[in-house]
Structures are given as structure tokens and as C-alpha cells.
C-alpha atoms as a PDB file:
ATOM      1  CA  ALA A   1      46.808  64.783 110.195  1.00  0.00           C
ATOM      2  CA  ILE A   2      47.359  68.393 111.242  1.00  0.00           C
ATOM      3  CA  SER A   3      50.119  68.795 108.631  1.00  0.00           C
ATOM      4  CA  LYS A   4      47.737  67.677 105.887  1.00  0.00           C
ATOM      5  CA  ALA A   5      45.046  70.048 107.181  1.00  0.00           C
ATOM      6  CA  ARG A   6      47.590  72.872 107.206  1.00  0.00           C
ATOM      7  CA  PHE A   7      48.743  72.065 103.659  1.00  0.00           C
ATOM      8  CA  GLU A   8      45.126  72.064 102.447  1.00  0.00           C
ATOM      9  CA  PHE A   9      44.221  75.257 104.392  1.00  0.00           C
ATOM     10  CA  ARG A  10      41.526  73.442 106.358  1.00  0.00           C
ATOM     11  CA  TRP A  11      41.527  75.911 109.230  1.00  0.00           C
ATOM     12  CA  ARG A  12      38.699  74.326 111.250  1.00  0.00           C
ATOM     13  CA  ASP A  13      40.469  70.948 111.139  1.00  0.00           C
ATOM     14  CA  GLN A  14      43.726  72.597 112.185  1.00  0.00           C
ATOM     15  CA  PHE A  15      42.063  74.060 115.259  1.00  0.00           C
ATOM     16  CA  ASN A  16      40.341  70.775 116.133  1.00  0.00           C
ATOM     17  CA  LEU A  17      43.531  68.725 115.713  1.00  0.00           C
ATOM     18  CA  ALA A  18      45.669  71.052 117.839  1.00  0.00           C
ATOM     19  CA  LEU A  19      46.705  69.928 121.320  1.00  0.00           C
ATOM     20  CA  ASP A  20      44.585  72.775 122.704  1.00  0.00           C
ATOM     21  CA  PRO A  21      41.916  73.660 120.105  1.00  0.00           C
ATOM     22  CA  VAL A  22      40.469  76.580 122.072  1.00  0.00           C
ATOM     23  CA  THR A  23      43.833  78.295 122.504  1.00  0.00           C
ATOM     24  CA  ALA A  24      44.802  77.624 118.875  1.00  0.00           C
ATOM     25  CA  GLU A  25      41.681  79.392 117.643  1.00  0.00           C
ATOM     26  CA  GLU A  26      42.154  82.242 120.136  1.00  0.00           C
ATOM     27  CA  TYR A  27      45.710  82.847 118.874  1.00  0.00           C
ATOM     28  CA  HIS A  28      44.459  82.818 115.285  1.00  0.00           C
ATOM     29  CA  ASP A  29      41.652  85.251 116.099  1.00  0.00           C
ATOM     30  CA  GLU A  30      44.009  87.714 117.806  1.00  0.00           C
ATOM     31  CA  THR A  31      45.547  88.586 114.441  1.00  0.00           C
ATOM     32  CA  LEU A  32      42.793  87.555 112.006  1.00  0.00           C
ATOM     33  CA  PRO A  33      39.447  88.039 113.778  1.00  0.00           C
ATOM     34  CA  ALA A  34      37.256  88.080 110.654  1.00  0.00           C
ATOM     35  CA  GLU A  35      35.307  84.863 110.102  1.00  0.00           C
ATOM     36  CA  GLY A  36      36.510  84.870 106.473  1.00  0.00           C
ATOM     37  CA  ALA A  37      40.053  84.271 107.704  1.00  0.00           C
ATOM     38  CA  LYS A  38      38.943  80.781 108.748  1.00  0.00           C
ATOM     39  CA  VAL A  39      38.039  79.801 105.196  1.00  0.00           C
ATOM     40  CA  ALA A  40      40.844  81.616 103.352  1.00  0.00           C
ATOM     41  CA  HIS A  41      43.115  79.590 101.084  1.00  0.00           C
ATOM     42  CA  PHE A  42      46.214  81.422 102.287  1.00  0.00           C
ATOM     43  CA  CYS A  43      47.876  82.232 105.574  1.00  0.00           C
ATOM     44  CA  SER A  44      48.889  85.576 107.034  1.00  0.00           C
ATOM     45  CA  MET A  45      52.576  84.654 106.782  1.00  0.00           C
ATOM     46  CA  CYS A  46      52.784  84.294 103.029  1.00  0.00           C
ATOM     47  CA  GLY A  47      49.602  86.002 101.906  1.00  0.00           C
END
């Protein structure tokens, strides 16, 4: 399920499906704190 969420850039689902959702979102927010980064249809790795 998390792989499908990742493929479809469903960030909120990715956080919720992680083993530790709170930490997953904290790690994400360390590098991309803007709320818009959670709805973007790209990742910071490939832009």
C-alpha cells in the first residue's frame, strides 16, 4: 500500500502507512517544511 501511495505522490497516505507516521512526517518536514510540499506531485530527490 505504501508503494502505491509513493508512486501516486499521496504524501499524507505515505505518512499514515509508515511504521512510525509521526517520525516519517518529521523527517519530511526537516527538509521540506512548507505545507505545499505535502501535496506536490514530485519529490525532492528527482524534482
